């Protein structure tokens, strides 16, 4: 179903989303998505550090 969207379809979807939500809400949403990604990366880094410290303690 979504295999044949193409550039015109993506532009139409973008325009519809902009009309429905407005630029302000989309900017806020993108900010929240960015915060979520950074929190996810931080969690991965902390998990890796925890695994490393546990393996060093076992030695």
N, C-alpha and C. Protein backbone atom coordinates (compact mmCIF):
# COMPACT_ATOMS: atom_id res chain seq x y z
N UNK A 1 0.82 -1.19 0.00
CA UNK A 1 0.00 0.00 0.00
C UNK A 1 0.87 1.26 0.00
N UNK A 2 1.88 1.29 0.84
CA UNK A 2 2.73 2.46 0.92
C UNK A 2 3.96 2.36 0.03
N UNK A 3 4.02 1.35 -0.80
CA UNK A 3 5.19 1.15 -1.65
C UNK A 3 5.28 2.17 -2.77
N UNK A 4 4.17 2.72 -3.22
CA UNK A 4 4.16 3.58 -4.39
C UNK A 4 3.78 5.02 -4.06
N UNK A 5 4.21 5.54 -2.92
CA UNK A 5 3.84 6.91 -2.55
C UNK A 5 4.54 7.91 -3.45
N UNK A 6 5.83 7.88 -3.52
CA UNK A 6 6.59 8.80 -4.37
C UNK A 6 6.67 10.20 -3.78
N UNK A 7 7.37 11.07 -4.49
CA UNK A 7 7.59 12.45 -4.05
C UNK A 7 6.28 13.25 -3.99
N UNK A 8 5.43 13.20 -5.01
CA UNK A 8 4.18 13.98 -4.93
C UNK A 8 3.30 13.57 -3.75
N UNK A 9 3.25 12.29 -3.47
CA UNK A 9 2.47 11.81 -2.34
C UNK A 9 3.02 12.30 -1.01
N UNK A 10 4.34 12.28 -0.88
CA UNK A 10 4.97 12.77 0.35
C UNK A 10 4.73 14.26 0.53
N UNK A 11 4.80 15.02 -0.56
CA UNK A 11 4.52 16.45 -0.47
C UNK A 11 3.08 16.71 -0.05
N UNK A 12 2.15 15.96 -0.60
CA UNK A 12 0.74 16.11 -0.24
C UNK A 12 0.52 15.78 1.24
N UNK A 13 1.13 14.71 1.71
CA UNK A 13 1.00 14.34 3.12
C UNK A 13 1.58 15.44 4.01
N UNK A 14 2.73 15.99 3.62
CA UNK A 14 3.37 17.06 4.39
C UNK A 14 2.47 18.28 4.46
N UNK A 15 1.87 18.66 3.35
CA UNK A 15 0.99 19.83 3.32
C UNK A 15 -0.23 19.60 4.21
N UNK A 16 -0.81 18.42 4.13
CA UNK A 16 -1.99 18.11 4.95
C UNK A 16 -1.64 18.16 6.44
N UNK A 17 -0.49 17.61 6.81
CA UNK A 17 -0.07 17.63 8.22
C UNK A 17 0.16 19.06 8.68
N UNK A 18 0.80 19.88 7.84
CA UNK A 18 1.02 21.28 8.21
C UNK A 18 -0.29 22.02 8.39
N UNK A 19 -1.25 21.77 7.53
CA UNK A 19 -2.55 22.45 7.64
C UNK A 19 -3.27 22.00 8.90
N UNK A 20 -3.24 20.71 9.19
CA UNK A 20 -3.97 20.19 10.34
C UNK A 20 -3.36 20.62 11.67
N UNK A 21 -2.05 20.56 11.78
CA UNK A 21 -1.41 20.78 13.06
C UNK A 21 -0.75 22.14 13.19
N UNK A 22 -0.40 22.77 12.12
CA UNK A 22 0.28 24.06 12.19
C UNK A 22 1.75 23.90 12.49
N UNK A 23 2.50 24.95 12.19
CA UNK A 23 3.96 24.88 12.35
C UNK A 23 4.37 24.80 13.81
N UNK A 24 3.66 25.49 14.69
CA UNK A 24 4.05 25.51 16.11
C UNK A 24 3.98 24.15 16.76
N UNK A 25 2.89 23.43 16.52
CA UNK A 25 2.74 22.11 17.14
C UNK A 25 3.73 21.12 16.56
N UNK A 26 4.00 21.23 15.27
CA UNK A 26 4.96 20.31 14.66
C UNK A 26 6.36 20.57 15.21
N UNK A 27 6.72 21.85 15.37
CA UNK A 27 8.03 22.18 15.93
C UNK A 27 8.15 21.64 17.36
N UNK A 28 7.10 21.79 18.14
CA UNK A 28 7.10 21.26 19.51
C UNK A 28 7.21 19.74 19.52
N UNK A 29 6.51 19.10 18.61
CA UNK A 29 6.56 17.65 18.52
C UNK A 29 7.96 17.18 18.14
N UNK A 30 8.58 17.85 17.19
CA UNK A 30 9.94 17.48 16.79
C UNK A 30 10.93 17.68 17.94
N UNK A 31 10.71 18.72 18.74
CA UNK A 31 11.55 18.93 19.92
C UNK A 31 11.42 17.79 20.90
N UNK A 32 10.20 17.33 21.11
CA UNK A 32 9.97 16.20 22.02
C UNK A 32 10.59 14.92 21.48
N UNK A 33 10.49 14.72 20.17
CA UNK A 33 11.11 13.54 19.56
C UNK A 33 12.62 13.59 19.74
N UNK A 34 13.21 14.76 19.56
CA UNK A 34 14.65 14.92 19.76
C UNK A 34 15.06 14.63 21.19
N UNK A 35 14.26 15.10 22.14
CA UNK A 35 14.56 14.82 23.56
C UNK A 35 14.46 13.32 23.83
N UNK A 36 13.49 12.68 23.21
CA UNK A 36 13.34 11.24 23.39
C UNK A 36 14.54 10.48 22.85
N UNK A 37 15.03 10.88 21.67
CA UNK A 37 16.21 10.23 21.10
C UNK A 37 17.43 10.43 21.98
N UNK A 38 17.61 11.65 22.49
CA UNK A 38 18.78 11.90 23.33
C UNK A 38 18.69 11.11 24.64
N UNK A 39 17.50 10.99 25.19
CA UNK A 39 17.33 10.19 26.41
C UNK A 39 17.61 8.71 26.13
N UNK A 40 17.18 8.24 24.98
CA UNK A 40 17.43 6.86 24.59
C UNK A 40 18.92 6.60 24.45
N UNK A 41 19.63 7.51 23.78
CA UNK A 41 21.08 7.36 23.62
C UNK A 41 21.78 7.39 24.98
N UNK A 42 21.33 8.27 25.87
CA UNK A 42 21.92 8.36 27.20
C UNK A 42 21.70 7.05 27.96
N UNK A 43 20.51 6.49 27.85
CA UNK A 43 20.22 5.22 28.50
C UNK A 43 21.08 4.09 27.97
N UNK A 44 21.29 4.06 26.65
CA UNK A 44 22.16 3.04 26.07
C UNK A 44 23.59 3.18 26.58
N UNK A 45 24.06 4.42 26.65
CA UNK A 45 25.43 4.67 27.11
C UNK A 45 25.58 4.24 28.57
N UNK A 46 24.60 4.60 29.41
CA UNK A 46 24.66 4.22 30.82
C UNK A 46 24.60 2.71 30.99
N UNK A 47 23.79 2.06 30.18
CA UNK A 47 23.71 0.60 30.24
C UNK A 47 25.02 -0.05 29.85
N UNK A 48 25.66 0.48 28.81
CA UNK A 48 26.95 -0.06 28.38
C UNK A 48 28.01 0.15 29.46
N UNK A 49 28.00 1.33 30.09
CA UNK A 49 28.96 1.60 31.16
C UNK A 49 28.73 0.67 32.35
N UNK A 50 27.46 0.39 32.65
CA UNK A 50 27.14 -0.51 33.76
C UNK A 50 27.63 -1.92 33.47
N UNK A 51 27.44 -2.38 32.25
CA UNK A 51 27.91 -3.71 31.87
C UNK A 51 29.43 -3.78 31.96
N UNK A 52 30.09 -2.73 31.49
CA UNK A 52 31.56 -2.69 31.53
C UNK A 52 32.07 -2.71 32.97
N UNK A 53 31.45 -1.92 33.83
CA UNK A 53 31.90 -1.88 35.23
C UNK A 53 31.64 -3.21 35.94
N UNK A 54 30.53 -3.87 35.62
CA UNK A 54 30.25 -5.17 36.23
C UNK A 54 31.26 -6.22 35.78
N UNK A 55 31.64 -6.18 34.50
CA UNK A 55 32.61 -7.17 34.02
C UNK A 55 33.99 -6.91 34.61
N UNK A 56 34.33 -5.66 34.86
CA UNK A 56 35.62 -5.34 35.47
C UNK A 56 35.65 -5.76 36.94
N UNK A 57 34.50 -5.67 37.62
CA UNK A 57 34.44 -6.07 39.03
C UNK A 57 34.59 -7.58 39.19
N UNK A 58 34.13 -8.33 38.19
CA UNK A 58 34.22 -9.79 38.26
C UNK A 58 35.65 -10.28 38.09
N UNK A 59 36.51 -9.49 37.49
CA UNK A 59 37.89 -9.91 37.24
C UNK A 59 38.71 -9.90 38.46
